[in-house]
N, C-alpha and C. Protein backbone atom coordinates (compact mmCIF):
# COMPACT_ATOMS: atom_id res chain seq x y z
N UNK A 1 105.19 70.80 151.75
CA UNK A 1 105.49 71.86 152.78
C UNK A 1 107.39 71.50 153.29
N UNK A 2 106.53 73.18 153.91
CA UNK A 2 107.45 74.12 153.73
C UNK A 2 107.09 75.02 154.97
N UNK A 3 108.55 75.42 156.33
CA UNK A 3 107.68 75.67 157.23
C UNK A 3 109.37 76.62 158.20
N UNK A 4 108.52 78.25 157.49
CA UNK A 4 109.31 78.54 158.23
C UNK A 4 109.04 79.22 159.43
N UNK A 5 110.50 78.86 160.06
CA UNK A 5 110.48 79.41 161.51
C UNK A 5 111.90 80.44 162.04
N UNK A 6 110.64 81.70 162.46
CA UNK A 6 110.75 83.02 162.75
C UNK A 6 110.75 83.40 164.74
N UNK A 7 112.14 83.00 165.51
CA UNK A 7 111.99 83.61 166.31
C UNK A 7 113.12 84.88 167.05
N UNK A 8 111.63 85.26 167.94
CA UNK A 8 112.48 86.97 168.45
C UNK A 8 112.10 86.43 170.00
N UNK A 9 112.64 86.72 170.63
CA UNK A 9 113.15 86.26 172.21
C UNK A 9 112.29 85.15 172.39
N UNK A 10 111.75 85.10 173.58
CA UNK A 10 111.01 83.73 173.87
C UNK A 10 109.47 83.51 173.25
N UNK A 11 109.65 83.90 171.31
CA UNK A 11 108.55 84.19 171.03
C UNK A 11 108.60 82.88 170.43
N UNK A 12 108.00 81.76 169.30
CA UNK A 12 109.24 81.43 167.87
C UNK A 12 107.38 81.30 167.08
N UNK A 13 107.20 81.61 165.73
CA UNK A 13 106.05 81.97 164.95
C UNK A 13 106.29 81.49 163.51
N UNK A 14 105.88 79.57 163.89
CA UNK A 14 106.11 78.81 162.74
C UNK A 14 104.61 78.48 161.21
N UNK A 15 105.41 78.82 160.57
CA UNK A 15 104.28 79.35 158.83
C UNK A 15 104.66 77.91 158.30
N UNK A 16 103.18 77.17 158.14
CA UNK A 16 103.63 76.27 157.69
C UNK A 16 102.32 75.98 156.60
N UNK A 17 103.23 75.56 155.12
CA UNK A 17 102.25 75.76 154.74
C UNK A 17 102.92 73.68 153.41
N UNK A 18 101.41 73.82 152.56
CA UNK A 18 101.05 72.47 152.25
C UNK A 18 101.01 71.62 153.45
N UNK A 19 101.19 70.13 152.96
CA UNK A 19 100.76 69.38 153.85
C UNK A 19 101.49 68.36 154.84
N UNK A 20 100.77 68.80 155.59
CA UNK A 20 101.52 68.36 156.99
C UNK A 20 101.50 66.44 157.05
N UNK A 21 102.02 65.49 156.93
CA UNK A 21 101.19 64.27 156.37
C UNK A 21 102.71 63.15 156.55
N UNK A 22 102.55 61.81 156.79
CA UNK A 22 103.75 61.01 156.99
C UNK A 22 104.77 61.20 155.96
N UNK A 23 104.67 61.30 155.51
CA UNK A 23 106.43 61.69 154.56
C UNK A 23 106.81 63.76 154.57
N UNK A 24 106.12 64.10 155.05
CA UNK A 24 106.88 65.87 155.66
C UNK A 24 106.46 65.81 157.63
N UNK A 25 105.58 65.53 158.19
CA UNK A 25 106.59 65.26 159.25
C UNK A 25 107.84 64.74 159.87
N UNK A 26 108.29 63.68 160.17
CA UNK A 26 109.87 63.96 160.27
C UNK A 26 110.60 64.72 160.42
N UNK A 27 110.34 65.54 159.00
CA UNK A 27 111.77 66.62 159.02
C UNK A 27 110.91 67.98 159.66
N UNK A 28 109.95 67.67 159.54
CA UNK A 28 109.48 68.85 160.07
C UNK A 28 110.05 69.33 161.70
N UNK A 29 109.53 67.53 161.97
CA UNK A 29 109.83 68.22 163.92
C UNK A 29 111.32 67.66 163.95
N UNK A 30 112.13 67.42 163.02
CA UNK A 30 113.63 67.78 163.01
C UNK A 30 114.24 69.10 163.18
N UNK A 31 113.03 69.66 162.56
CA UNK A 31 113.48 71.31 162.23
C UNK A 31 113.25 72.20 163.77
N UNK A 32 111.23 71.47 164.24
CA UNK A 32 110.73 72.17 165.04
C UNK A 32 111.28 72.16 167.25
N UNK A 33 111.64 71.08 167.09
CA UNK A 33 111.82 70.16 168.23
C UNK A 33 112.70 71.50 168.56
N UNK A 34 113.88 71.13 167.83
CA UNK A 34 115.53 71.98 168.87
C UNK A 34 115.04 73.75 168.84
N UNK A 35 114.52 73.98 167.70
CA UNK A 35 114.52 75.76 167.53
C UNK A 35 113.42 76.04 169.40
N UNK A 36 112.55 75.06 170.03
CA UNK A 36 111.56 75.07 171.06
C UNK A 36 112.63 75.34 172.36
N UNK A 37 113.53 74.64 172.48
CA UNK A 37 114.37 75.07 173.96
C UNK A 37 113.91 77.39 174.13
N UNK A 38 114.34 77.27 175.06
CA UNK A 38 113.89 78.86 176.08
C UNK A 38 112.76 79.36 174.86
N UNK A 39 112.27 79.02 174.62
CA UNK A 39 110.58 79.12 173.68
C UNK A 39 108.96 79.33 175.15
N UNK A 40 109.00 80.63 175.34
CA UNK A 40 107.86 80.34 176.38
C UNK A 40 106.59 80.62 175.20
N UNK A 41 106.32 81.23 173.97
CA UNK A 41 105.58 81.66 173.18
C UNK A 41 105.46 80.63 172.30
N UNK A 42 104.82 79.39 171.44
CA UNK A 42 104.81 79.23 169.89
C UNK A 42 103.62 79.41 169.84
N UNK A 43 103.89 80.15 168.61
CA UNK A 43 102.42 80.67 167.29
C UNK A 43 102.74 79.84 166.16
N UNK A 44 102.08 78.52 165.95
CA UNK A 44 101.62 77.54 164.37
C UNK A 44 100.41 78.78 164.11
N UNK A 45 101.59 79.69 163.13
CA UNK A 45 100.39 79.69 161.55
C UNK A 45 99.94 78.86 160.56
N UNK A 46 98.60 78.76 160.21
CA UNK A 46 98.00 77.32 159.65
C UNK A 46 97.44 77.50 157.99
N UNK A 47 97.87 79.47 158.37
CA UNK A 47 96.82 79.77 157.04
C UNK A 47 97.25 78.97 155.43
N UNK A 48 98.56 78.59 155.59
CA UNK A 48 98.77 77.78 154.36
C UNK A 48 99.30 76.55 154.45
N UNK A 49 98.22 76.00 155.58
CA UNK A 49 98.33 74.76 155.74
C UNK A 49 96.81 74.34 155.37
N UNK A 50 96.94 72.91 153.79
CA UNK A 50 96.48 71.99 153.39
C UNK A 50 95.44 71.23 153.70
N UNK A 51 96.42 69.69 154.14
CA UNK A 51 96.28 69.06 155.20
C UNK A 51 96.83 68.99 156.06
N UNK A 52 96.00 67.79 157.07
CA UNK A 52 97.27 67.60 158.44
C UNK A 52 96.55 65.71 158.87
N UNK A 53 97.17 64.68 158.57
CA UNK A 53 97.06 63.40 159.37
C UNK A 53 97.35 63.46 160.95
N UNK A 54 97.91 61.79 161.31
CA UNK A 54 98.49 61.81 162.37
C UNK A 54 99.64 61.54 162.77
N UNK A 55 99.84 61.78 161.51
CA UNK A 55 101.81 62.21 161.34
C UNK A 55 101.38 63.38 162.27
N UNK A 56 100.84 65.35 161.40
CA UNK A 56 101.22 65.78 162.27
C UNK A 56 100.62 66.06 163.47
N UNK A 57 99.40 65.92 163.37
CA UNK A 57 98.75 65.24 164.71
C UNK A 57 99.67 65.27 166.14
N UNK A 58 100.29 64.08 165.64
CA UNK A 58 101.39 64.11 167.08
C UNK A 58 103.15 65.19 167.60
N UNK A 59 103.16 65.13 165.70
CA UNK A 59 103.60 66.78 165.81
C UNK A 59 103.97 67.45 166.71
N UNK A 60 102.19 67.92 166.82
CA UNK A 60 102.06 69.20 167.14
C UNK A 60 101.51 68.72 169.00
N UNK A 61 101.37 66.76 169.04
CA UNK A 61 100.67 67.22 170.51
C UNK A 61 102.54 66.73 171.61
N UNK A 62 103.49 66.50 170.38
CA UNK A 62 104.74 66.69 171.00
C UNK A 62 105.42 68.22 171.52
N UNK A 63 105.19 69.21 170.86
CA UNK A 63 105.08 70.69 170.86
C UNK A 63 104.39 70.59 171.97
N UNK A 64 103.25 70.48 172.58
CA UNK A 64 102.70 71.16 173.43
C UNK A 64 102.27 69.89 174.84
N UNK A 65 103.02 69.59 174.29
CA UNK A 65 104.44 68.54 175.71
C UNK A 65 105.54 69.39 175.99
N UNK A 66 106.07 69.77 175.26
CA UNK A 66 107.84 70.32 175.25
C UNK A 66 107.32 71.85 175.71
N UNK A 67 106.20 72.17 175.15
CA UNK A 67 105.81 73.59 175.86
C UNK A 67 105.08 73.45 177.38
N UNK A 68 103.92 72.60 178.25
CA UNK A 68 103.83 71.68 179.32
C UNK A 68 104.81 72.56 179.77
N UNK A 69 106.22 71.27 180.07
CA UNK A 69 106.73 71.67 180.54
C UNK A 69 107.66 72.94 180.80
N UNK A 70 107.97 73.80 179.48
CA UNK A 70 108.58 74.69 179.53
C UNK A 70 107.80 75.73 180.35
N UNK A 71 106.74 75.64 180.70
CA UNK A 71 105.71 76.37 181.31
C UNK A 71 105.14 77.67 180.26
N UNK A 72 105.03 77.43 178.74
CA UNK A 72 104.69 78.09 177.78
C UNK A 72 103.37 77.58 177.34
N UNK A 73 103.03 78.63 175.91
CA UNK A 73 101.68 78.08 175.73
C UNK A 73 102.15 77.59 174.43
N UNK A 74 101.25 76.99 173.13
CA UNK A 74 101.21 76.74 172.33
C UNK A 74 99.50 77.34 171.23
N UNK A 75 100.11 77.29 170.16
CA UNK A 75 98.43 78.54 170.18
C UNK A 75 98.70 78.20 168.14
N UNK A 76 97.51 78.53 167.96
CA UNK A 76 97.49 77.39 166.74
C UNK A 76 96.07 78.49 165.85
N UNK A 77 96.64 78.93 165.10
CA UNK A 77 95.94 80.23 164.22
C UNK A 77 95.54 79.83 162.87
N UNK A 78 94.75 81.22 162.27
CA UNK A 78 93.77 80.95 160.89
C UNK A 78 94.00 79.49 160.51
N UNK A 79 94.02 78.55 161.14
CA UNK A 79 93.82 76.82 160.42
C UNK A 79 92.30 76.99 159.33
N UNK A 80 92.18 76.02 158.47
CA UNK A 80 90.90 76.01 157.19
C UNK A 80 90.60 75.58 157.90
N UNK A 81 88.70 75.44 157.21
CA UNK A 81 88.19 74.31 157.93
C UNK A 81 88.29 72.96 157.72
N UNK A 82 88.84 72.93 157.13
CA UNK A 82 89.39 71.26 156.67
C UNK A 82 90.47 71.03 157.80
N UNK A 83 91.28 71.81 157.58
CA UNK A 83 91.75 71.62 159.48
C UNK A 83 91.65 71.09 160.81
N UNK A 84 90.53 71.87 160.92
CA UNK A 84 89.51 72.22 162.12
C UNK A 84 89.09 71.14 161.68
N UNK A 85 88.21 70.64 161.25
CA UNK A 85 87.43 69.72 161.81
C UNK A 85 87.99 68.51 161.70
N UNK A 86 89.56 68.12 161.59
CA UNK A 86 90.35 66.99 161.87
C UNK A 86 91.10 67.37 162.59
N UNK A 87 90.58 68.72 163.59
CA UNK A 87 91.29 68.62 165.16
C UNK A 87 89.18 68.69 165.89
N UNK A 88 88.84 68.61 165.42
CA UNK A 88 87.57 68.33 165.56
C UNK A 88 87.20 66.55 165.80
N UNK A 89 86.73 66.18 164.64
CA UNK A 89 87.36 64.91 165.00
C UNK A 89 87.91 63.79 165.86
N UNK A 90 89.24 64.65 165.97
CA UNK A 90 90.15 63.71 166.70
C UNK A 90 90.55 64.84 168.21
N UNK A 91 89.79 65.07 168.78
CA UNK A 91 89.96 65.81 170.14
C UNK A 91 90.84 66.51 169.74
N UNK A 92 91.51 67.03 169.47
CA UNK A 92 92.95 67.55 169.82
C UNK A 92 92.27 69.73 169.99
N UNK A 93 90.77 69.62 169.60
CA UNK A 93 90.34 70.58 169.35
C UNK A 93 90.29 71.50 171.07
N UNK A 94 89.92 70.12 171.35
CA UNK A 94 90.33 70.69 173.25
C UNK A 94 91.22 70.33 173.71
N UNK A 95 92.61 69.88 173.05
CA UNK A 95 93.53 69.76 173.35
C UNK A 95 94.27 71.40 173.36
N UNK A 96 94.70 71.59 172.18
CA UNK A 96 95.32 72.83 171.80
C UNK A 96 94.23 74.20 171.96
N UNK A 97 95.09 74.66 171.31
CA UNK A 97 94.65 76.42 171.76
C UNK A 97 94.77 77.03 170.11
N UNK A 98 93.45 76.94 169.78
CA UNK A 98 93.52 76.71 168.53
C UNK A 98 92.39 78.16 168.34
N UNK A 99 92.59 79.80 167.89
CA UNK A 99 91.94 80.95 167.64
C UNK A 99 91.22 80.85 165.91
């Protein structure tokens, strides 16, 4: 898994590539969470994300809670049908702003 984090003013774009699972999620969360300080807009670009597991979903939920605390927004864009299926099956499709 590779993650590219791009910060511009109060916006953070996170491009995730590969698999977001139990092996890769801890390192991803360690990189992501400190970057959320003073952010108003968080956008995950999942165009290159192959799969996501419950561990990856937990990181997204943690980020969503942090954005709520900051009064900001979280958006997931360009998710594959496989990733969207995981969101639908777990109910995350109703929790996250998936476009």
